Amino acid sequence: PRGVATQPGAGVTTEEFGEAGNATCHTAKPGEECYVHMMWAMQSIFEHPERYPGLTSKSAIEDFQSFLHESDDRCPKPCSLKYLAVDP
């Protein structure tokens, strides 16, 4: 079944599931390897902006995750901000 999983208490979607129940995206969280790579990249961009074409120091964390996913598959595809659900 299709559906979404929300981060407890945060009210935001962190995963979306396809028809087979497999996650189609996942937004990295603290404690995950991908999150560590994102934090490193967000610091590294100040000294080496040429390593991150299309990103700036003000880019959203999901943009960094998407870049890492597309460039070397270190991270899963992030859930897009425009599709995040907020609990009422």
N, C-alpha and C. Protein backbone atom coordinates (compact mmCIF):
# COMPACT_ATOMS: atom_id res chain seq x y z
N PRO A 1 0.83 -1.20 0.00
CA PRO A 1 0.00 0.00 0.00
C PRO A 1 0.86 1.25 0.00
N ARG A 2 0.34 2.28 -0.61
CA ARG A 2 1.07 3.55 -0.62
C ARG A 2 0.82 4.26 0.70
N GLY A 3 1.78 5.05 1.10
CA GLY A 3 1.59 5.80 2.34
C GLY A 3 2.81 6.62 2.67
N VAL A 4 2.76 7.25 3.82
CA VAL A 4 3.87 8.06 4.28
C VAL A 4 4.16 7.72 5.73
N ALA A 5 5.38 7.93 6.15
CA ALA A 5 5.74 7.77 7.55
C ALA A 5 6.16 9.14 8.06
N THR A 6 5.71 9.50 9.23
CA THR A 6 6.08 10.80 9.77
C THR A 6 7.05 10.63 10.92
N GLN A 7 7.87 11.64 11.09
CA GLN A 7 8.82 11.65 12.19
C GLN A 7 8.02 11.95 13.45
N PRO A 8 8.11 11.11 14.47
CA PRO A 8 7.30 11.32 15.68
C PRO A 8 7.49 12.71 16.27
N GLY A 9 6.38 13.38 16.51
CA GLY A 9 6.40 14.68 17.14
C GLY A 9 6.78 15.84 16.24
N ALA A 10 7.39 15.57 15.10
CA ALA A 10 7.84 16.66 14.24
C ALA A 10 6.77 17.07 13.25
N GLY A 11 5.88 16.14 12.90
CA GLY A 11 4.82 16.46 11.97
C GLY A 11 5.25 16.56 10.53
N VAL A 12 6.42 16.01 10.18
CA VAL A 12 6.87 16.06 8.79
C VAL A 12 7.14 14.67 8.26
N THR A 13 6.84 14.49 6.98
CA THR A 13 7.07 13.22 6.33
C THR A 13 8.55 13.00 6.11
N THR A 14 9.05 11.82 6.48
CA THR A 14 10.45 11.51 6.25
C THR A 14 10.61 10.38 5.25
N GLU A 15 9.53 9.66 4.95
CA GLU A 15 9.58 8.58 3.96
C GLU A 15 8.26 8.52 3.21
N GLU A 16 8.35 8.12 1.95
CA GLU A 16 7.16 7.84 1.15
C GLU A 16 7.31 6.43 0.63
N PHE A 17 6.20 5.70 0.53
CA PHE A 17 6.24 4.31 0.11
C PHE A 17 5.48 4.11 -1.18
N GLY A 18 6.05 3.28 -2.05
CA GLY A 18 5.42 2.97 -3.33
C GLY A 18 4.42 1.84 -3.19
N GLU A 19 3.91 1.38 -4.32
CA GLU A 19 2.89 0.33 -4.35
C GLU A 19 3.33 -0.95 -3.66
N ALA A 20 4.61 -1.32 -3.77
CA ALA A 20 5.10 -2.58 -3.18
C ALA A 20 5.47 -2.41 -1.71
N GLY A 21 5.28 -1.22 -1.16
CA GLY A 21 5.62 -0.99 0.23
C GLY A 21 7.08 -0.64 0.45
N ASN A 22 7.86 -0.47 -0.64
CA ASN A 22 9.26 -0.09 -0.52
C ASN A 22 9.36 1.43 -0.43
N ALA A 23 10.30 1.91 0.37
CA ALA A 23 10.49 3.35 0.49
C ALA A 23 10.99 3.91 -0.85
N THR A 24 10.32 4.96 -1.33
CA THR A 24 10.73 5.60 -2.57
C THR A 24 11.61 6.81 -2.29
N CYS A 25 11.61 7.29 -1.04
CA CYS A 25 12.48 8.38 -0.63
C CYS A 25 12.64 8.31 0.88
N HIS A 26 13.68 8.95 1.36
CA HIS A 26 13.93 9.00 2.80
C HIS A 26 14.76 10.23 3.09
N THR A 27 14.28 11.09 3.95
CA THR A 27 15.05 12.26 4.35
C THR A 27 15.92 11.87 5.54
N ALA A 28 17.24 12.04 5.37
CA ALA A 28 18.19 11.62 6.40
C ALA A 28 17.97 12.37 7.71
N LYS A 29 18.28 11.68 8.81
CA LYS A 29 18.10 12.22 10.15
C LYS A 29 19.42 12.11 10.91
N PRO A 30 19.59 12.90 11.97
CA PRO A 30 20.80 12.79 12.79
C PRO A 30 21.01 11.34 13.23
N GLY A 31 22.26 10.91 13.20
CA GLY A 31 22.61 9.55 13.58
C GLY A 31 22.78 8.63 12.38
N GLU A 32 22.33 9.06 11.20
CA GLU A 32 22.48 8.26 9.99
C GLU A 32 23.74 8.68 9.23
N GLU A 33 24.36 7.73 8.54
CA GLU A 33 25.59 8.00 7.79
C GLU A 33 25.39 9.13 6.78
N CYS A 34 24.28 9.12 6.08
CA CYS A 34 24.00 10.16 5.09
C CYS A 34 24.00 11.55 5.73
N TYR A 35 23.42 11.64 6.91
CA TYR A 35 23.34 12.93 7.61
C TYR A 35 24.75 13.46 7.90
N VAL A 36 25.66 12.56 8.29
CA VAL A 36 27.04 12.96 8.55
C VAL A 36 27.68 13.51 7.27
N HIS A 37 27.45 12.84 6.13
CA HIS A 37 27.98 13.31 4.85
C HIS A 37 27.40 14.68 4.50
N MET A 38 26.12 14.88 4.76
CA MET A 38 25.49 16.17 4.45
C MET A 38 26.09 17.28 5.29
N MET A 39 26.28 17.03 6.59
CA MET A 39 26.85 18.05 7.47
C MET A 39 28.26 18.42 7.02
N TRP A 40 29.03 17.40 6.61
CA TRP A 40 30.39 17.66 6.14
C TRP A 40 30.34 18.51 4.87
N ALA A 41 29.48 18.17 3.94
CA ALA A 41 29.36 18.92 2.68
C ALA A 41 28.92 20.36 2.94
N MET A 42 28.01 20.54 3.89
CA MET A 42 27.51 21.89 4.18
C MET A 42 28.60 22.77 4.79
N GLN A 43 29.59 22.18 5.43
CA GLN A 43 30.74 22.94 5.93
C GLN A 43 31.80 23.12 4.83
N SER A 44 32.01 22.05 4.07
CA SER A 44 33.03 22.05 3.02
C SER A 44 32.74 23.05 1.91
N ILE A 45 31.47 23.35 1.68
CA ILE A 45 31.10 24.26 0.58
C ILE A 45 31.71 25.65 0.75
N PHE A 46 32.00 26.04 1.98
CA PHE A 46 32.60 27.36 2.22
C PHE A 46 34.02 27.43 1.64
N GLU A 47 34.78 26.34 1.77
CA GLU A 47 36.15 26.31 1.27
C GLU A 47 36.26 25.81 -0.16
N HIS A 48 35.33 24.96 -0.58
CA HIS A 48 35.41 24.34 -1.91
C HIS A 48 34.05 24.38 -2.62
N PRO A 49 33.53 25.56 -2.91
CA PRO A 49 32.22 25.64 -3.57
C PRO A 49 32.20 24.97 -4.94
N GLU A 50 33.36 24.86 -5.59
CA GLU A 50 33.43 24.23 -6.91
C GLU A 50 33.08 22.74 -6.86
N ARG A 51 33.15 22.14 -5.71
CA ARG A 51 32.80 20.71 -5.56
C ARG A 51 31.29 20.47 -5.54
N TYR A 52 30.54 21.54 -5.40
CA TYR A 52 29.09 21.41 -5.23
C TYR A 52 28.34 22.28 -6.24
N PRO A 53 28.46 21.98 -7.53
CA PRO A 53 27.79 22.80 -8.55
C PRO A 53 26.27 22.80 -8.33
N GLY A 54 25.70 23.99 -8.41
CA GLY A 54 24.26 24.14 -8.24
C GLY A 54 23.84 24.37 -6.80
N LEU A 55 24.80 24.26 -5.86
CA LEU A 55 24.48 24.48 -4.45
C LEU A 55 25.19 25.73 -3.95
N THR A 56 24.65 26.31 -2.90
CA THR A 56 25.31 27.43 -2.21
C THR A 56 25.28 27.12 -0.72
N SER A 57 25.94 27.95 0.05
CA SER A 57 25.93 27.74 1.51
C SER A 57 24.53 27.93 2.09
N LYS A 58 23.63 28.50 1.31
CA LYS A 58 22.25 28.71 1.77
C LYS A 58 21.27 27.67 1.23
N SER A 59 21.77 26.67 0.51
CA SER A 59 20.90 25.62 -0.04
C SER A 59 20.28 24.81 1.10
N ALA A 60 19.09 24.31 0.85
CA ALA A 60 18.39 23.48 1.84
C ALA A 60 19.13 22.17 2.05
N ILE A 61 18.98 21.61 3.24
CA ILE A 61 19.64 20.34 3.56
C ILE A 61 19.22 19.24 2.59
N GLU A 62 17.96 19.25 2.15
CA GLU A 62 17.49 18.26 1.18
C GLU A 62 18.19 18.42 -0.16
N ASP A 63 18.59 19.65 -0.50
CA ASP A 63 19.34 19.87 -1.74
C ASP A 63 20.72 19.21 -1.66
N PHE A 64 21.35 19.31 -0.49
CA PHE A 64 22.64 18.64 -0.30
C PHE A 64 22.46 17.13 -0.35
N GLN A 65 21.39 16.61 0.25
CA GLN A 65 21.13 15.17 0.21
C GLN A 65 20.90 14.72 -1.22
N SER A 66 20.14 15.47 -1.98
CA SER A 66 19.88 15.13 -3.37
C SER A 66 21.18 15.13 -4.17
N PHE A 67 22.03 16.13 -3.94
CA PHE A 67 23.32 16.20 -4.64
C PHE A 67 24.15 14.95 -4.33
N LEU A 68 24.24 14.57 -3.05
CA LEU A 68 25.02 13.39 -2.66
C LEU A 68 24.40 12.12 -3.22
N HIS A 69 23.09 12.07 -3.31
CA HIS A 69 22.41 10.91 -3.90
C HIS A 69 22.76 10.78 -5.38
N GLU A 70 22.70 11.89 -6.09
CA GLU A 70 22.94 11.88 -7.54
C GLU A 70 24.41 11.76 -7.91
N SER A 71 25.30 12.33 -7.08
CA SER A 71 26.71 12.35 -7.44
C SER A 71 27.43 11.04 -7.15
N ASP A 72 27.14 10.41 -6.02
CA ASP A 72 27.86 9.17 -5.71
C ASP A 72 27.04 8.18 -4.90
N ASP A 73 25.76 8.40 -4.83
CA ASP A 73 24.83 7.47 -4.18
C ASP A 73 25.16 7.21 -2.71
N ARG A 74 25.74 8.21 -2.03
CA ARG A 74 26.01 8.08 -0.59
C ARG A 74 24.74 8.19 0.24
N CYS A 75 23.73 8.80 -0.34
CA CYS A 75 22.49 9.06 0.38
C CYS A 75 21.30 8.56 -0.42
N PRO A 76 20.22 8.22 0.27
CA PRO A 76 18.99 7.88 -0.45
C PRO A 76 18.38 9.15 -1.04
N LYS A 77 17.48 8.98 -1.97
CA LYS A 77 16.76 10.11 -2.54
C LYS A 77 15.95 10.77 -1.42
N PRO A 78 16.11 12.10 -1.23
CA PRO A 78 15.34 12.75 -0.17
C PRO A 78 13.89 12.94 -0.58
N CYS A 79 13.03 13.01 0.40
CA CYS A 79 11.63 13.37 0.13
C CYS A 79 11.61 14.86 -0.15
N SER A 80 11.02 15.26 -1.26
CA SER A 80 10.99 16.65 -1.67
C SER A 80 10.19 17.48 -0.68
N LEU A 81 10.68 18.68 -0.41
CA LEU A 81 9.97 19.57 0.50
C LEU A 81 8.55 19.86 0.05
N LYS A 82 8.32 19.94 -1.27
CA LYS A 82 6.98 20.27 -1.75
C LYS A 82 5.99 19.15 -1.49
N TYR A 83 6.49 17.95 -1.19
CA TYR A 83 5.60 16.83 -0.91
C TYR A 83 5.52 16.48 0.56
N LEU A 84 6.22 17.22 1.41
CA LEU A 84 6.18 16.92 2.83
C LEU A 84 4.80 17.26 3.39
N ALA A 85 4.31 16.36 4.20
CA ALA A 85 3.01 16.57 4.82
C ALA A 85 3.22 17.10 6.24
N VAL A 86 2.42 18.06 6.62
CA VAL A 86 2.51 18.60 7.98
C VAL A 86 1.25 18.19 8.71
N ASP A 87 1.45 17.62 9.90
CA ASP A 87 0.31 17.23 10.72
C ASP A 87 -0.41 18.49 11.20
N PRO A 88 -1.74 18.46 11.24
CA PRO A 88 -2.48 19.65 11.69
C PRO A 88 -2.26 19.93 13.16
